[in-house]
Amino acid sequence: MRQLFTILALGAAAFLSLAAAPALEEQQEMLDAFDTALTAVAVAASGLALFGLVWAGFLLMADGVEGRGSRARSAVFLTIAGLGVALSAKGLAVLISAGVIPIPIP
């Protein structure tokens, strides 16, 4: 009896969630908002990457001739990795919105 109630409750929840699906205009507005936010993140990440590379240059100069520059190399690697993550998020969003990567909607 308990399992039957659970099955019926889940079915009702699924039915209600389908009835509450947003209109196409609302979906487009939401996609535009995400695109705007990811564009802002990509621009900010580019500026921060420039700052990170300048910081790595200062670290390299601070290590001197005898220094191995491990902090500077680490700073450059982490800066490029962070920029790659930010730009790949924007690229993935563009691929999804263009339909190259399909998202199944039940």
PDB file of N, CA and C in Angstrom:
ATOM      1  N   MET A   1       0.829  -1.185   0.000  1.00  0.00           N
ATOM      2  CA  MET A   1       0.000   0.000   0.000  1.00  0.00           C
ATOM      3  C   MET A   1       0.882   1.259   0.000  1.00  0.00           C
ATOM      4  N   ARG A   2       1.961   1.204   0.762  1.00  0.00           N
ATOM      5  CA  ARG A   2       2.852   2.349   0.858  1.00  0.00           C
ATOM      6  C   ARG A   2       3.542   2.626  -0.480  1.00  0.00           C
ATOM      7  N   GLN A   3       3.936   1.570  -1.187  1.00  0.00           N
ATOM      8  CA  GLN A   3       4.575   1.737  -2.485  1.00  0.00           C
ATOM      9  C   GLN A   3       3.596   2.300  -3.508  1.00  0.00           C
ATOM     10  N   LEU A   4       2.365   1.879  -3.450  1.00  0.00           N
ATOM     11  CA  LEU A   4       1.348   2.385  -4.368  1.00  0.00           C
ATOM     12  C   LEU A   4       1.138   3.880  -4.148  1.00  0.00           C
ATOM     13  N   PHE A   5       1.090   4.296  -2.889  1.00  0.00           N
ATOM     14  CA  PHE A   5       0.945   5.721  -2.579  1.00  0.00           C
ATOM     15  C   PHE A   5       2.136   6.515  -3.102  1.00  0.00           C
ATOM     16  N   THR A   6       3.344   5.982  -2.958  1.00  0.00           N
ATOM     17  CA  THR A   6       4.539   6.658  -3.442  1.00  0.00           C
ATOM     18  C   THR A   6       4.515   6.799  -4.953  1.00  0.00           C
ATOM     19  N   ILE A   7       4.109   5.754  -5.652  1.00  0.00           N
ATOM     20  CA  ILE A   7       4.027   5.797  -7.115  1.00  0.00           C
ATOM     21  C   ILE A   7       3.006   6.832  -7.565  1.00  0.00           C
ATOM     22  N   LEU A   8       1.859   6.873  -6.918  1.00  0.00           N
ATOM     23  CA  LEU A   8       0.845   7.853  -7.278  1.00  0.00           C
ATOM     24  C   LEU A   8       1.307   9.280  -6.971  1.00  0.00           C
ATOM     25  N   ALA A   9       1.978   9.458  -5.852  1.00  0.00           N
ATOM     26  CA  ALA A   9       2.461  10.791  -5.492  1.00  0.00           C
ATOM     27  C   ALA A   9       3.519  11.281  -6.475  1.00  0.00           C
ATOM     28  N   LEU A  10       4.428  10.399  -6.880  1.00  0.00           N
ATOM     29  CA  LEU A  10       5.447  10.786  -7.852  1.00  0.00           C
ATOM     30  C   LEU A  10       4.832  11.075  -9.217  1.00  0.00           C
ATOM     31  N   GLY A  11       3.847  10.309  -9.598  1.00  0.00           N
ATOM     32  CA  GLY A  11       3.147  10.565 -10.861  1.00  0.00           C
ATOM     33  C   GLY A  11       2.439  11.905 -10.844  1.00  0.00           C
ATOM     34  N   ALA A  12       1.795  12.230  -9.726  1.00  0.00           N
ATOM     35  CA  ALA A  12       1.121  13.521  -9.611  1.00  0.00           C
ATOM     36  C   ALA A  12       2.122  14.664  -9.642  1.00  0.00           C
ATOM     37  N   ALA A  13       3.262  14.491  -9.000  1.00  0.00           N
ATOM     38  CA  ALA A  13       4.291  15.534  -9.012  1.00  0.00           C
ATOM     39  C   ALA A  13       4.832  15.746 -10.425  1.00  0.00           C
ATOM     40  N   ALA A  14       5.037  14.674 -11.162  1.00  0.00           N
ATOM     41  CA  ALA A  14       5.514  14.795 -12.539  1.00  0.00           C
ATOM     42  C   ALA A  14       4.478  15.491 -13.411  1.00  0.00           C
ATOM     43  N   PHE A  15       3.217  15.177 -13.221  1.00  0.00           N
ATOM     44  CA  PHE A  15       2.145  15.800 -13.999  1.00  0.00           C
ATOM     45  C   PHE A  15       2.069  17.297 -13.701  1.00  0.00           C
ATOM     46  N   LEU A  16       2.176  17.664 -12.436  1.00  0.00           N
ATOM     47  CA  LEU A  16       2.120  19.076 -12.071  1.00  0.00           C
ATOM     48  C   LEU A  16       3.331  19.842 -12.580  1.00  0.00           C
ATOM     49  N   SER A  17       4.491  19.206 -12.612  1.00  0.00           N
ATOM     50  CA  SER A  17       5.671  19.898 -13.119  1.00  0.00           C
ATOM     51  C   SER A  17       5.573  20.119 -14.626  1.00  0.00           C
ATOM     52  N   LEU A  18       4.926  19.229 -15.348  1.00  0.00           N
ATOM     53  CA  LEU A  18       4.709  19.443 -16.780  1.00  0.00           C
ATOM     54  C   LEU A  18       3.730  20.569 -17.020  1.00  0.00           C
ATOM     55  N   ALA A  19       2.725  20.688 -16.164  1.00  0.00           N
ATOM     56  CA  ALA A  19       1.736  21.744 -16.319  1.00  0.00           C
ATOM     57  C   ALA A  19       2.344  23.109 -16.026  1.00  0.00           C
ATOM     58  N   ALA A  20       3.403  23.163 -15.242  1.00  0.00           N
ATOM     59  CA  ALA A  20       4.018  24.432 -14.859  1.00  0.00           C
ATOM     60  C   ALA A  20       5.197  24.792 -15.752  1.00  0.00           C
ATOM     61  N   ALA A  21       5.298  24.201 -16.940  1.00  0.00           N
ATOM     62  CA  ALA A  21       6.414  24.490 -17.842  1.00  0.00           C
ATOM     63  C   ALA A  21       6.322  25.937 -18.323  1.00  0.00           C
ATOM     64  N   PRO A  22       7.450  26.650 -18.371  1.00  0.00           N
ATOM     65  CA  PRO A  22       7.413  28.051 -18.791  1.00  0.00           C
ATOM     66  C   PRO A  22       7.134  28.182 -20.291  1.00  0.00           C
ATOM     67  N   ALA A  23       6.660  29.331 -20.674  1.00  0.00           N
ATOM     68  CA  ALA A  23       6.385  29.605 -22.083  1.00  0.00           C
ATOM     69  C   ALA A  23       7.700  29.769 -22.843  1.00  0.00           C
ATOM     70  N   LEU A  24       7.617  29.739 -24.167  1.00  0.00           N
ATOM     71  CA  LEU A  24       8.820  29.852 -24.990  1.00  0.00           C
ATOM     72  C   LEU A  24       9.489  31.209 -24.817  1.00  0.00           C
ATOM     73  N   GLU A  25       8.708  32.266 -24.625  1.00  0.00           N
ATOM     74  CA  GLU A  25       9.290  33.589 -24.434  1.00  0.00           C
ATOM     75  C   GLU A  25      10.096  33.637 -23.134  1.00  0.00           C
ATOM     76  N   GLU A  26       9.566  33.012 -22.089  1.00  0.00           N
ATOM     77  CA  GLU A  26      10.277  32.983 -20.817  1.00  0.00           C
ATOM     78  C   GLU A  26      11.568  32.172 -20.924  1.00  0.00           C
ATOM     79  N   GLN A  27      11.524  31.089 -21.691  1.00  0.00           N
ATOM     80  CA  GLN A  27      12.733  30.290 -21.878  1.00  0.00           C
ATOM     81  C   GLN A  27      13.793  31.097 -22.621  1.00  0.00           C
ATOM     82  N   GLN A  28      13.389  31.855 -23.638  1.00  0.00           N
ATOM     83  CA  GLN A  28      14.344  32.662 -24.387  1.00  0.00           C
ATOM     84  C   GLN A  28      14.919  33.773 -23.516  1.00  0.00           C
ATOM     85  N   GLU A  29      14.088  34.373 -22.663  1.00  0.00           N
ATOM     86  CA  GLU A  29      14.583  35.402 -21.751  1.00  0.00           C
ATOM     87  C   GLU A  29      15.610  34.819 -20.784  1.00  0.00           C
ATOM     88  N   MET A  30      15.353  33.603 -20.309  1.00  0.00           N
ATOM     89  CA  MET A  30      16.288  32.965 -19.382  1.00  0.00           C
ATOM     90  C   MET A  30      17.599  32.630 -20.091  1.00  0.00           C
ATOM     91  N   LEU A  31      17.529  32.141 -21.331  1.00  0.00           N
ATOM     92  CA  LEU A  31      18.750  31.857 -22.092  1.00  0.00           C
ATOM     93  C   LEU A  31      19.548  33.123 -22.347  1.00  0.00           C
ATOM     94  N   ASP A  32      18.855  34.220 -22.638  1.00  0.00           N
ATOM     95  CA  ASP A  32      19.546  35.490 -22.851  1.00  0.00           C
ATOM     96  C   ASP A  32      20.213  35.979 -21.569  1.00  0.00           C
ATOM     97  N   ALA A  33      19.541  35.781 -20.438  1.00  0.00           N
ATOM     98  CA  ALA A  33      20.128  36.189 -19.160  1.00  0.00           C
ATOM     99  C   ALA A  33      21.385  35.370 -18.854  1.00  0.00           C
ATOM    100  N   PHE A  34      21.336  34.054 -19.094  1.00  0.00           N
ATOM    101  CA  PHE A  34      22.519  33.216 -18.879  1.00  0.00           C
ATOM    102  C   PHE A  34      23.652  33.617 -19.820  1.00  0.00           C
ATOM    103  N   ASP A  35      23.314  33.931 -21.065  1.00  0.00           N
ATOM    104  CA  ASP A  35      24.334  34.330 -22.022  1.00  0.00           C
ATOM    105  C   ASP A  35      24.999  35.635 -21.593  1.00  0.00           C
ATOM    106  N   THR A  36      24.198  36.564 -21.109  1.00  0.00           N
ATOM    107  CA  THR A  36      24.752  37.831 -20.640  1.00  0.00           C
ATOM    108  C   THR A  36      25.665  37.622 -19.433  1.00  0.00           C
ATOM    109  N   ALA A  37      25.237  36.776 -18.506  1.00  0.00           N
ATOM    110  CA  ALA A  37      26.049  36.509 -17.312  1.00  0.00           C
ATOM    111  C   ALA A  37      27.358  35.813 -17.678  1.00  0.00           C
ATOM    112  N   LEU A  38      27.292  34.844 -18.583  1.00  0.00           N
ATOM    113  CA  LEU A  38      28.520  34.141 -18.971  1.00  0.00           C
ATOM    114  C   LEU A  38      29.451  35.032 -19.783  1.00  0.00           C
ATOM    115  N   THR A  39      28.904  35.950 -20.545  1.00  0.00           N
ATOM    116  CA  THR A  39      29.747  36.913 -21.257  1.00  0.00           C
ATOM    117  C   THR A  39      30.481  37.806 -20.264  1.00  0.00           C
ATOM    118  N   ALA A  40      29.767  38.236 -19.228  1.00  0.00           N
ATOM    119  CA  ALA A  40      30.405  39.059 -18.191  1.00  0.00           C
ATOM    120  C   ALA A  40      31.500  38.283 -17.465  1.00  0.00           C
ATOM    121  N   VAL A  41      31.252  37.007 -17.205  1.00  0.00           N
ATOM    122  CA  VAL A  41      32.266  36.174 -16.543  1.00  0.00           C
ATOM    123  C   VAL A  41      33.485  36.003 -17.446  1.00  0.00           C
ATOM    124  N   ALA A  42      33.272  35.822 -18.742  1.00  0.00           N
ATOM    125  CA  ALA A  42      34.394  35.656 -19.668  1.00  0.00           C
ATOM    126  C   ALA A  42      35.229  36.930 -19.753  1.00  0.00           C
ATOM    127  N   VAL A  43      34.573  38.090 -19.766  1.00  0.00           N
ATOM    128  CA  VAL A  43      35.305  39.355 -19.816  1.00  0.00           C
ATOM    129  C   VAL A  43      36.086  39.565 -18.515  1.00  0.00           C
ATOM    130  N   ALA A  44      35.442  39.288 -17.386  1.00  0.00           N
ATOM    131  CA  ALA A  44      36.124  39.439 -16.094  1.00  0.00           C
ATOM    132  C   ALA A  44      37.292  38.466 -15.982  1.00  0.00           C
ATOM    133  N   ALA A  45      37.119  37.249 -16.460  1.00  0.00           N
ATOM    134  CA  ALA A  45      38.195  36.252 -16.395  1.00  0.00           C
ATOM    135  C   ALA A  45      39.376  36.673 -17.267  1.00  0.00           C
ATOM    136  N   SER A  46      39.106  37.307 -18.388  1.00  0.00           N
ATOM    137  CA  SER A  46      40.203  37.781 -19.242  1.00  0.00           C
ATOM    138  C   SER A  46      41.009  38.864 -18.539  1.00  0.00           C
ATOM    139  N   GLY A  47      40.316  39.780 -17.881  1.00  0.00           N
ATOM    140  CA  GLY A  47      41.020  40.823 -17.133  1.00  0.00           C
ATOM    141  C   GLY A  47      41.806  40.260 -15.970  1.00  0.00           C
ATOM    142  N   LEU A  48      41.215  39.318 -15.250  1.00  0.00           N
ATOM    143  CA  LEU A  48      41.919  38.701 -14.128  1.00  0.00           C
ATOM    144  C   LEU A  48      43.102  37.862 -14.597  1.00  0.00           C
ATOM    145  N   ALA A  49      42.992  37.260 -15.785  1.00  0.00           N
ATOM    146  CA  ALA A  49      44.113  36.488 -16.318  1.00  0.00           C
ATOM    147  C   ALA A  49      45.280  37.412 -16.656  1.00  0.00           C
ATOM    148  N   LEU A  50      44.982  38.580 -17.190  1.00  0.00           N
ATOM    149  CA  LEU A  50      46.039  39.544 -17.460  1.00  0.00           C
ATOM    150  C   LEU A  50      46.729  39.951 -16.162  1.00  0.00           C
ATOM    151  N   PHE A  51      45.931  40.221 -15.120  1.00  0.00           N
ATOM    152  CA  PHE A  51      46.497  40.559 -13.817  1.00  0.00           C
ATOM    153  C   PHE A  51      47.335  39.397 -13.274  1.00  0.00           C
ATOM    154  N   GLY A  52      46.854  38.157 -13.442  1.00  0.00           N
ATOM    155  CA  GLY A  52      47.585  36.991 -12.954  1.00  0.00           C
ATOM    156  C   GLY A  52      48.918  36.813 -13.652  1.00  0.00           C
ATOM    157  N   LEU A  53      48.964  37.075 -14.949  1.00  0.00           N
ATOM    158  CA  LEU A  53      50.231  36.957 -15.674  1.00  0.00           C
ATOM    159  C   LEU A  53      51.210  38.052 -15.258  1.00  0.00           C
ATOM    160  N   VAL A  54      50.703  39.250 -15.004  1.00  0.00           N
ATOM    161  CA  VAL A  54      51.582  40.327 -14.523  1.00  0.00           C
ATOM    162  C   VAL A  54      52.115  39.972 -13.136  1.00  0.00           C
ATOM    163  N   TRP A  55      51.241  39.407 -12.307  1.00  0.00           N
ATOM    164  CA  TRP A  55      51.663  38.976 -10.966  1.00  0.00           C
ATOM    165  C   TRP A  55      52.736  37.888 -11.059  1.00  0.00           C
ATOM    166  N   ALA A  56      52.574  36.973 -11.986  1.00  0.00           N
ATOM    167  CA  ALA A  56      53.577  35.927 -12.169  1.00  0.00           C
ATOM    168  C   ALA A  56      54.911  36.534 -12.604  1.00  0.00           C
ATOM    169  N   GLY A  57      54.873  37.586 -13.413  1.00  0.00           N
ATOM    170  CA  GLY A  57      56.100  38.276 -13.803  1.00  0.00           C
ATOM    171  C   GLY A  57      56.796  38.908 -12.607  1.00  0.00           C
ATOM    172  N   PHE A  58      55.996  39.516 -11.729  1.00  0.00           N
ATOM    173  CA  PHE A  58      56.592  40.080 -10.511  1.00  0.00           C
ATOM    174  C   PHE A  58      57.190  38.986  -9.632  1.00  0.00           C
ATOM    175  N   LEU A  59      56.517  37.861  -9.536  1.00  0.00           N
ATOM    176  CA  LEU A  59      57.055  36.753  -8.744  1.00  0.00           C
ATOM    177  C   LEU A  59      58.360  36.242  -9.337  1.00  0.00           C
ATOM    178  N   LEU A  60      58.430  36.179 -10.662  1.00  0.00           N
ATOM    179  CA  LEU A  60      59.647  35.719 -11.321  1.00  0.00           C
ATOM    180  C   LEU A  60      60.806  36.676 -11.058  1.00  0.00           C
ATOM    181  N   MET A  61      60.511  37.984 -11.092  1.00  0.00           N
ATOM    182  CA  MET A  61      61.559  38.958 -10.807  1.00  0.00           C
ATOM    183  C   MET A  61      61.959  38.916  -9.331  1.00  0.00           C
ATOM    184  N   ALA A  62      61.023  38.638  -8.447  1.00  0.00           N
ATOM    185  CA  ALA A  62      61.324  38.606  -7.017  1.00  0.00           C
ATOM    186  C   ALA A  62      62.187  37.401  -6.654  1.00  0.00           C
ATOM    187  N   ASP A  63      62.081  36.308  -7.415  1.00  0.00           N
ATOM    188  CA  ASP A  63      62.886  35.125  -7.126  1.00  0.00           C
ATOM    189  C   ASP A  63      64.367  35.358  -7.416  1.00  0.00           C
ATOM    190  N   GLY A  64      64.660  36.280  -8.300  1.00  0.00           N
ATOM    191  CA  GLY A  64      66.057  36.614  -8.584  1.00  0.00           C
ATOM    192  C   GLY A  64      66.713  35.604  -9.504  1.00  0.00           C
ATOM    193  N   VAL A  65      68.019  35.796  -9.683  1.00  0.00           N
ATOM    194  CA  VAL A  65      68.787  34.947 -10.583  1.00  0.00           C
ATOM    195  C   VAL A  65      68.922  33.541 -10.018  1.00  0.00           C
ATOM    196  N   GLU A  66      69.099  33.427  -8.712  1.00  0.00           N
ATOM    197  CA  GLU A  66      69.291  32.111  -8.111  1.00  0.00           C
ATOM    198  C   GLU A  66      67.990  31.323  -7.984  1.00  0.00           C
ATOM    199  N   GLY A  67      66.880  32.034  -7.949  1.00  0.00           N
ATOM    200  CA  GLY A  67      65.598  31.374  -7.726  1.00  0.00           C
ATOM    201  C   GLY A  67      65.203  30.476  -8.881  1.00  0.00           C
ATOM    202  N   ARG A  68      64.422  29.496  -8.562  1.00  0.00           N
ATOM    203  CA  ARG A  68      63.972  28.549  -9.596  1.00  0.00           C
ATOM    204  C   ARG A  68      62.681  29.006 -10.270  1.00  0.00           C
ATOM    205  N   GLY A  69      61.979  29.932  -9.645  1.00  0.00           N
ATOM    206  CA  GLY A  69      60.754  30.442 -10.256  1.00  0.00           C
ATOM    207  C   GLY A  69      59.572  29.506 -10.144  1.00  0.00           C
ATOM    208  N   SER A  70      59.543  28.664  -9.134  1.00  0.00           N
ATOM    209  CA  SER A  70      58.434  27.704  -9.031  1.00  0.00           C
ATOM    210  C   SER A  70      57.118  28.403  -8.699  1.00  0.00           C
ATOM    211  N   ARG A  71      57.180  29.470  -7.903  1.00  0.00           N
ATOM    212  CA  ARG A  71      55.949  30.204  -7.611  1.00  0.00           C
ATOM    213  C   ARG A  71      55.418  30.877  -8.869  1.00  0.00           C
ATOM    214  N   ALA A  72      56.313  31.394  -9.672  1.00  0.00           N
ATOM    215  CA  ALA A  72      55.894  32.064 -10.907  1.00  0.00           C
ATOM    216  C   ALA A  72      55.284  31.068 -11.885  1.00  0.00           C
ATOM    217  N   ARG A  73      55.917  29.905 -12.013  1.00  0.00           N
ATOM    218  CA  ARG A  73      55.354  28.886 -12.905  1.00  0.00           C
ATOM    219  C   ARG A  73      53.988  28.429 -12.431  1.00  0.00           C
ATOM    220  N   SER A  74      53.856  28.273 -11.122  1.00  0.00           N
ATOM    221  CA  SER A  74      52.576  27.876 -10.556  1.00  0.00           C
ATOM    222  C   SER A  74      51.512  28.945 -10.812  1.00  0.00           C
ATOM    223  N   ALA A  75      51.887  30.215 -10.669  1.00  0.00           N
ATOM    224  CA  ALA A  75      50.948  31.304 -10.912  1.00  0.00           C
ATOM    225  C   ALA A  75      50.506  31.334 -12.374  1.00  0.00           C
ATOM    226  N   VAL A  76      51.442  31.120 -13.293  1.00  0.00           N
ATOM    227  CA  VAL A  76      51.090  31.106 -14.717  1.00  0.00           C
ATOM    228  C   VAL A  76      50.168  29.934 -15.019  1.00  0.00           C
ATOM    229  N   PHE A  77      50.485  28.765 -14.494  1.00  0.00           N
ATOM    230  CA  PHE A  77      49.655  27.586 -14.748  1.00  0.00           C
ATOM    231  C   PHE A  77      48.240  27.780 -14.211  1.00  0.00           C
ATOM    232  N   LEU A  78      48.124  28.284 -12.984  1.00  0.00           N
ATOM    233  CA  LEU A  78      46.799  28.466 -12.389  1.00  0.00           C
ATOM    234  C   LEU A  78      46.013  29.565 -13.099  1.00  0.00           C
ATOM    235  N   THR A  79      46.700  30.595 -13.579  1.00  0.00           N
ATOM    236  CA  THR A  79      46.028  31.657 -14.330  1.00  0.00           C
ATOM    237  C   THR A  79      45.464  31.122 -15.633  1.00  0.00           C
ATOM    238  N   ILE A  80      46.248  30.364 -16.350  1.00  0.00           N
ATOM    239  CA  ILE A  80      45.784  29.821 -17.630  1.00  0.00           C
ATOM    240  C   ILE A  80      44.683  28.784 -17.414  1.00  0.00           C
ATOM    241  N   ALA A  81      44.790  27.991 -16.363  1.00  0.00           N
ATOM    242  CA  ALA A  81      43.742  27.010 -16.067  1.00  0.00           C
ATOM    243  C   ALA A  81      42.431  27.707 -15.713  1.00  0.00           C
ATOM    244  N   GLY A  82      42.486  28.759 -14.919  1.00  0.00           N
ATOM    245  CA  GLY A  82      41.276  29.503 -14.567  1.00  0.00           C
ATOM    246  C   GLY A  82      40.646  30.156 -15.772  1.00  0.00           C
ATOM    247  N   LEU A  83      41.456  30.721 -16.646  1.00  0.00           N
ATOM    248  CA  LEU A  83      40.928  31.322 -17.870  1.00  0.00           C
ATOM    249  C   LEU A  83      40.298  30.259 -18.758  1.00  0.00           C
ATOM    250  N   GLY A  84      40.924  29.089 -18.835  1.00  0.00           N
ATOM    251  CA  GLY A  84      40.356  28.000 -19.633  1.00  0.00           C
ATOM    252  C   GLY A  84      39.010  27.532 -19.106  1.00  0.00           C
ATOM    253  N   VAL A  85      38.869  27.454 -17.796  1.00  0.00           N
ATOM    254  CA  VAL A  85      37.584  27.039 -17.210  1.00  0.00           C
ATOM    255  C   VAL A  85      36.502  28.062 -17.513  1.00  0.00           C
ATOM    256  N   ALA A  86      36.816  29.339 -17.348  1.00  0.00           N
ATOM    257  CA  ALA A  86      35.819  30.386 -17.588  1.00  0.00           C
ATOM    258  C   ALA A  86      35.396  30.432 -19.053  1.00  0.00           C
ATOM    259  N   LEU A  87      36.367  30.343 -19.952  1.00  0.00           N
ATOM    260  CA  LEU A  87      36.022  30.400 -21.376  1.00  0.00           C
ATOM    261  C   LEU A  87      35.333  29.125 -21.858  1.00  0.00           C
ATOM    262  N   SER A  88      35.662  27.977 -21.257  1.00  0.00           N
ATOM    263  CA  SER A  88      34.975  26.751 -21.660  1.00  0.00           C
ATOM    264  C   SER A  88      33.523  26.761 -21.184  1.00  0.00           C
ATOM    265  N   ALA A  89      33.237  27.426 -20.066  1.00  0.00           N
ATOM    266  CA  ALA A  89      31.845  27.551 -19.628  1.00  0.00           C
ATOM    267  C   ALA A  89      31.042  28.348 -20.642  1.00  0.00           C
ATOM    268  N   LYS A  90      31.608  29.437 -21.125  1.00  0.00           N
ATOM    269  CA  LYS A  90      30.943  30.240 -22.154  1.00  0.00           C
ATOM    270  C   LYS A  90      30.789  29.435 -23.441  1.00  0.00           C
ATOM    271  N   GLY A  91      31.829  28.708 -23.839  1.00  0.00           N
ATOM    272  CA  GLY A  91      31.755  27.903 -25.058  1.00  0.00           C
ATOM    273  C   GLY A  91      30.738  26.789 -24.964  1.00  0.00           C
ATOM    274  N   LEU A  92      30.659  26.146 -23.818  1.00  0.00           N
ATOM    275  CA  LEU A  92      29.671  25.089 -23.624  1.00  0.00           C
ATOM    276  C   LEU A  92      28.253  25.649 -23.683  1.00  0.00           C
ATOM    277  N   ALA A  93      28.054  26.820 -23.113  1.00  0.00           N
ATOM    278  CA  ALA A  93      26.730  27.441 -23.164  1.00  0.00           C
ATOM    279  C   ALA A  93      26.344  27.799 -24.589  1.00  0.00           C
ATOM    280  N   VAL A  94      27.308  28.262 -25.381  1.00  0.00           N
ATOM    281  CA  VAL A  94      27.029  28.593 -26.778  1.00  0.00           C
ATOM    282  C   VAL A  94      26.672  27.329 -27.557  1.00  0.00           C
ATOM    283  N   LEU A  95      27.392  26.234 -27.311  1.00  0.00           N
ATOM    284  CA  LEU A  95      27.083  24.981 -28.001  1.00  0.00           C
ATOM    285  C   LEU A  95      25.693  24.454 -27.636  1.00  0.00           C
ATOM    286  N   ILE A  96      25.316  24.589 -26.380  1.00  0.00           N
ATOM    287  CA  ILE A  96      23.997  24.119 -25.964  1.00  0.00           C
ATOM    288  C   ILE A  96      22.906  24.985 -26.566  1.00  0.00           C
ATOM    289  N   SER A  97      23.081  26.321 -26.543  1.00  0.00           N
ATOM    290  CA  SER A  97      22.038  27.200 -27.082  1.00  0.00           C
ATOM    291  C   SER A  97      21.930  27.097 -28.603  1.00  0.00           C
ATOM    292  N   ALA A  98      23.032  26.741 -29.270  1.00  0.00           N
ATOM    293  CA  ALA A  98      22.985  26.568 -30.724  1.00  0.00           C
ATOM    294  C   ALA A  98      22.388  25.230 -31.125  1.00  0.00           C
ATOM    295  N   GLY A  99      22.253  24.312 -30.184  1.00  0.00           N
ATOM    296  CA  GLY A  99      21.670  23.019 -30.483  1.00  0.00           C
ATOM    297  C   GLY A  99      22.673  21.969 -30.897  1.00  0.00           C
ATOM    298  N   VAL A 100      23.967  22.294 -30.827  1.00  0.00           N
ATOM    299  CA  VAL A 100      24.985  21.310 -31.179  1.00  0.00           C
ATOM    300  C   VAL A 100      25.002  20.183 -30.167  1.00  0.00           C
ATOM    301  N   ILE A 101      24.839  20.540 -28.883  1.00  0.00           N
ATOM    302  CA  ILE A 101      24.721  19.551 -27.814  1.00  0.00           C
ATOM    303  C   ILE A 101      23.250  19.521 -27.396  1.00  0.00           C
ATOM    304  N   PRO A 102      22.522  18.491 -27.781  1.00  0.00           N
ATOM    305  CA  PRO A 102      21.089  18.481 -27.451  1.00  0.00           C
ATOM    306  C   PRO A 102      20.852  18.167 -25.976  1.00  0.00           C
ATOM    307  N   ILE A 103      19.886  18.836 -25.411  1.00  0.00           N
ATOM    308  CA  ILE A 103      19.457  18.609 -24.047  1.00  0.00           C
ATOM    309  C   ILE A 103      18.058  17.993 -24.100  1.00  0.00           C
ATOM    310  N   PRO A 104      17.911  16.740 -23.703  1.00  0.00           N
ATOM    311  CA  PRO A 104      16.582  16.135 -23.745  1.00  0.00           C
ATOM    312  C   PRO A 104      15.667  16.739 -22.689  1.00  0.00           C
ATOM    313  N   ILE A 105      14.533  17.231 -23.116  1.00  0.00           N
ATOM    314  CA  ILE A 105      13.553  17.809 -22.200  1.00  0.00           C
ATOM    315  C   ILE A 105      12.375  16.831 -22.127  1.00  0.00           C
ATOM    316  N   PRO A 106      12.157  16.286 -20.934  1.00  0.00           N
ATOM    317  CA  PRO A 106      11.069  15.296 -20.819  1.00  0.00           C
ATOM    318  C   PRO A 106       9.708  15.911 -20.958  1.00  0.00           C
TER     319      PRO A 106
END
